[in-house]
C-alpha atoms as a PDB file:
ATOM      1  CA  MET A   1      47.223   1.716 175.029  1.00  0.00           C
ATOM      2  CA  LYS A   2      45.383   3.444 172.212  1.00  0.00           C
ATOM      3  CA  ASN A   3      43.511   6.716 172.432  1.00  0.00           C
ATOM      4  CA  LYS A   4      39.934   5.512 172.918  1.00  0.00           C
ATOM      5  CA  THR A   5      37.949   8.750 173.099  1.00  0.00           C
ATOM      6  CA  THR A   6      38.755  12.141 171.635  1.00  0.00           C
ATOM      7  CA  CYS A   7      36.768  15.210 172.615  1.00  0.00           C
ATOM      8  CA  ILE A   8      36.643  18.091 170.128  1.00  0.00           C
ATOM      9  CA  ILE A   9      35.707  21.487 171.567  1.00  0.00           C
ATOM     10  CA  ASP A  10      35.155  24.033 168.798  1.00  0.00           C
ATOM     11  CA  ASP A  11      32.321  26.484 168.139  1.00  0.00           C
ATOM     12  CA  ASP A  12      32.658  26.005 164.362  1.00  0.00           C
ATOM     13  CA  LYS A  13      30.475  23.077 163.281  1.00  0.00           C
ATOM     14  CA  LEU A  14      32.306  22.730 159.966  1.00  0.00           C
ATOM     15  CA  SER A  15      35.668  22.469 161.770  1.00  0.00           C
ATOM     16  CA  ILE A  16      34.250  19.737 164.005  1.00  0.00           C
ATOM     17  CA  LYS A  17      32.894  17.854 160.975  1.00  0.00           C
ATOM     18  CA  LEU A  18      36.198  18.081 159.074  1.00  0.00           C
ATOM     19  CA  MET A  19      38.288  17.113 162.123  1.00  0.00           C
ATOM     20  CA  SER A  20      35.957  14.205 162.881  1.00  0.00           C
ATOM     21  CA  MET A  21      36.251  12.892 159.320  1.00  0.00           C
ATOM     22  CA  LEU A  22      40.053  13.166 159.400  1.00  0.00           C
ATOM     23  CA  ILE A  23      40.264  11.529 162.840  1.00  0.00           C
ATOM     24  CA  SER A  24      38.076   8.627 161.692  1.00  0.00           C
ATOM     25  CA  LYS A  25      39.990   8.198 158.431  1.00  0.00           C
ATOM     26  CA  ASN A  26      43.295   8.016 160.336  1.00  0.00           C
ATOM     27  CA  ASN A  27      42.021   5.678 163.101  1.00  0.00           C
ATOM     28  CA  PHE A  28      43.155   8.213 165.685  1.00  0.00           C
ATOM     29  CA  CYS A  29      40.620   6.948 168.231  1.00  0.00           C
ATOM     30  CA  GLU A  30      37.592   4.699 168.678  1.00  0.00           C
ATOM     31  CA  GLU A  31      35.060   7.368 169.634  1.00  0.00           C
ATOM     32  CA  ILE A  32      34.675  11.090 168.984  1.00  0.00           C
ATOM     33  CA  VAL A  33      32.663  13.358 171.257  1.00  0.00           C
ATOM     34  CA  SER A  34      32.200  16.969 170.222  1.00  0.00           C
ATOM     35  CA  PHE A  35      30.982  20.156 171.831  1.00  0.00           C
ATOM     36  CA  HIS A  36      30.134  23.462 170.132  1.00  0.00           C
ATOM     37  CA  ASN A  37      29.961  25.183 173.502  1.00  0.00           C
ATOM     38  CA  PRO A  38      33.023  25.000 175.780  1.00  0.00           C
ATOM     39  CA  GLN A  39      30.919  25.625 178.895  1.00  0.00           C
ATOM     40  CA  THR A  40      28.793  22.568 178.103  1.00  0.00           C
ATOM     41  CA  ALA A  41      31.981  20.537 177.630  1.00  0.00           C
ATOM     42  CA  LEU A  42      33.337  21.777 180.950  1.00  0.00           C
ATOM     43  CA  ASP A  43      30.090  20.930 182.753  1.00  0.00           C
ATOM     44  CA  GLU A  44      30.111  17.421 181.275  1.00  0.00           C
ATOM     45  CA  LEU A  45      33.757  16.870 182.205  1.00  0.00           C
ATOM     46  CA  LYS A  46      33.109  18.082 185.768  1.00  0.00           C
ATOM     47  CA  SER A  47      30.132  15.775 186.192  1.00  0.00           C
ATOM     48  CA  ASN A  48      32.204  12.777 185.000  1.00  0.00           C
ATOM     49  CA  ALA A  49      35.472  13.740 186.745  1.00  0.00           C
ATOM     50  CA  THR A  50      35.461  10.685 189.043  1.00  0.00           C
ATOM     51  CA  ASN A  51      34.412   8.179 186.354  1.00  0.00           C
ATOM     52  CA  PRO A  52      37.403   7.414 184.096  1.00  0.00           C
ATOM     53  CA  SER A  53      35.290   5.423 181.622  1.00  0.00           C
ATOM     54  CA  LYS A  54      33.259   8.560 180.852  1.00  0.00           C
ATOM     55  CA  LEU A  55      36.267  10.817 180.373  1.00  0.00           C
ATOM     56  CA  PRO A  56      38.084  11.397 177.079  1.00  0.00           C
ATOM     57  CA  ASP A  57      41.720  10.455 176.625  1.00  0.00           C
ATOM     58  CA  VAL A  58      42.365  13.484 174.440  1.00  0.00           C
ATOM     59  CA  ILE A  59      40.847  16.952 174.065  1.00  0.00           C
ATOM     60  CA  LEU A  60      41.302  18.986 170.889  1.00  0.00           C
ATOM     61  CA  LEU A  61      40.557  22.545 171.981  1.00  0.00           C
ATOM     62  CA  ASP A  62      39.920  25.618 169.865  1.00  0.00           C
ATOM     63  CA  LEU A  63      40.917  28.980 171.343  1.00  0.00           C
ATOM     64  CA  ASN A  64      38.684  31.572 169.716  1.00  0.00           C
ATOM     65  CA  MET A  65      35.146  30.844 170.879  1.00  0.00           C
ATOM     66  CA  PRO A  66      32.373  33.074 172.202  1.00  0.00           C
ATOM     67  CA  VAL A  67      31.179  33.057 175.830  1.00  0.00           C
ATOM     68  CA  LEU A  68      34.119  30.971 177.089  1.00  0.00           C
ATOM     69  CA  ASP A  69      37.340  30.965 175.066  1.00  0.00           C
ATOM     70  CA  GLY A  70      39.979  28.237 175.090  1.00  0.00           C
ATOM     71  CA  TRP A  71      42.108  29.997 177.711  1.00  0.00           C
ATOM     72  CA  GLN A  72      39.152  30.404 180.071  1.00  0.00           C
ATOM     73  CA  PHE A  73      38.274  26.745 179.477  1.00  0.00           C
ATOM     74  CA  LEU A  74      41.835  25.725 180.401  1.00  0.00           C
ATOM     75  CA  ASP A  75      41.784  27.876 183.530  1.00  0.00           C
ATOM     76  CA  GLU A  76      38.630  26.094 184.715  1.00  0.00           C
ATOM     77  CA  PHE A  77      39.768  22.665 183.474  1.00  0.00           C
ATOM     78  CA  THR A  78      43.012  22.796 185.472  1.00  0.00           C
ATOM     79  CA  LEU A  79      41.059  23.290 188.710  1.00  0.00           C
ATOM     80  CA  ILE A  80      39.263  19.948 188.308  1.00  0.00           C
ATOM     81  CA  SER A  81      40.723  16.742 189.713  1.00  0.00           C
ATOM     82  CA  PHE A  82      40.143  14.003 187.142  1.00  0.00           C
ATOM     83  CA  ALA A  83      40.189  10.250 187.736  1.00  0.00           C
ATOM     84  CA  LYS A  84      42.570   9.837 184.785  1.00  0.00           C
ATOM     85  CA  LYS A  85      45.066  11.823 182.773  1.00  0.00           C
ATOM     86  CA  ILE A  86      43.595  13.733 179.845  1.00  0.00           C
ATOM     87  CA  VAL A  87      45.940  14.970 177.115  1.00  0.00           C
ATOM     88  CA  VAL A  88      45.043  18.409 175.720  1.00  0.00           C
ATOM     89  CA  PHE A  89      46.019  19.779 172.313  1.00  0.00           C
ATOM     90  CA  ILE A  90      45.168  23.296 171.242  1.00  0.00           C
ATOM     91  CA  VAL A  91      43.892  23.267 167.656  1.00  0.00           C
ATOM     92  CA  SER A  92      43.551  26.854 166.498  1.00  0.00           C
ATOM     93  CA  SER A  93      43.814  29.034 163.433  1.00  0.00           C
ATOM     94  CA  SER A  94      45.690  31.598 165.537  1.00  0.00           C
ATOM     95  CA  ILE A  95      49.338  32.032 164.596  1.00  0.00           C
ATOM     96  CA  ASP A  96      49.765  34.821 167.142  1.00  0.00           C
ATOM     97  CA  PRO A  97      53.128  34.315 168.907  1.00  0.00           C
ATOM     98  CA  CYS A  98      51.429  35.376 172.163  1.00  0.00           C
ATOM     99  CA  ASP A  99      49.019  32.427 171.891  1.00  0.00           C
ATOM    100  CA  LEU A 100      51.857  30.019 171.147  1.00  0.00           C
ATOM    101  CA  GLU A 101      53.753  31.343 174.156  1.00  0.00           C
ATOM    102  CA  MET A 102      50.686  31.320 176.414  1.00  0.00           C
ATOM    103  CA  ALA A 103      50.090  27.619 175.658  1.00  0.00           C
ATOM    104  CA  LYS A 104      53.434  26.872 177.331  1.00  0.00           C
ATOM    105  CA  ASN A 105      51.970  28.152 180.622  1.00  0.00           C
ATOM    106  CA  TYR A 106      49.650  25.141 180.738  1.00  0.00           C
ATOM    107  CA  PRO A 107      51.523  21.882 181.448  1.00  0.00           C
ATOM    108  CA  ILE A 108      48.444  19.878 180.396  1.00  0.00           C
ATOM    109  CA  VAL A 109      48.694  21.318 176.862  1.00  0.00           C
ATOM    110  CA  LYS A 110      51.008  18.950 175.032  1.00  0.00           C
ATOM    111  CA  ASP A 111      51.098  20.690 171.658  1.00  0.00           C
ATOM    112  CA  TYR A 112      49.746  23.653 169.719  1.00  0.00           C
ATOM    113  CA  ILE A 113      48.375  22.570 166.351  1.00  0.00           C
ATOM    114  CA  ILE A 114      47.662  25.264 163.790  1.00  0.00           C
ATOM    115  CA  LYS A 115      44.553  24.585 161.708  1.00  0.00           C
ATOM    116  CA  PRO A 116      43.862  22.901 159.449  1.00  0.00           C
ATOM    117  CA  LEU A 117      44.386  19.563 161.147  1.00  0.00           C
ATOM    118  CA  SER A 118      46.137  17.087 158.848  1.00  0.00           C
ATOM    119  CA  SER A 119      47.017  13.393 158.833  1.00  0.00           C
ATOM    120  CA  GLU A 120      50.641  14.297 159.563  1.00  0.00           C
ATOM    121  CA  LYS A 121      49.683  16.452 162.551  1.00  0.00           C
ATOM    122  CA  LEU A 122      47.485  13.618 163.867  1.00  0.00           C
ATOM    123  CA  LYS A 123      50.406  11.188 163.586  1.00  0.00           C
ATOM    124  CA  GLN A 124      52.598  13.581 165.579  1.00  0.00           C
ATOM    125  CA  ALA A 125      49.843  13.904 168.187  1.00  0.00           C
ATOM    126  CA  SER A 126      49.587  10.097 168.410  1.00  0.00           C
ATOM    127  CA  VAL A 127      53.293   9.876 169.264  1.00  0.00           C
ATOM    128  CA  ILE A 128      52.855  12.473 172.013  1.00  0.00           C
ATOM    129  CA  ILE A 129      49.829  10.601 173.383  1.00  0.00           C
ATOM    130  CA  GLU A 130      51.738   7.291 173.417  1.00  0.00           C
ATOM    131  CA  ASN A 131      54.580   8.945 175.334  1.00  0.00           C
ATOM    132  CA  GLU A 132      52.175  10.503 177.829  1.00  0.00           C
ATOM    133  CA  ILE A 133      50.304   7.256 178.428  1.00  0.00           C
ATOM    134  CA  SER A 134      53.449   5.172 178.797  1.00  0.00           C
ATOM    135  CA  SER A 135      54.860   7.667 181.340  1.00  0.00           C
ATOM    136  CA  GLN A 136      51.902   7.186 183.702  1.00  0.00           C
END
């Protein structure tokens, strides 16, 4: 099964635009949904939690955002029971070893991708997604 929908959560509009272009160019998924505000993304995910067709297969999550950062998003996200498995990748410019270590505390986070996103990093993510989907 292919990754149908990817959700990008990043407060930087340019980052979303660049990631979206790269994702489209590499046929990473069929549809891209993006949110500049992680709280809005969380609200949308909560409201669609029981409807698998309205949930993304993959979330690309930035860490450093105002109001609600990536860690706070993950803390809230893990409390929700979703109708399907959603694979989460952190995509951040942070190279702080503490952030890399903290990501390991979240079993739903499958990889930590340091920006900028590249075709090679997307290919590696695709392999992880395939493994996750086939293990369901």
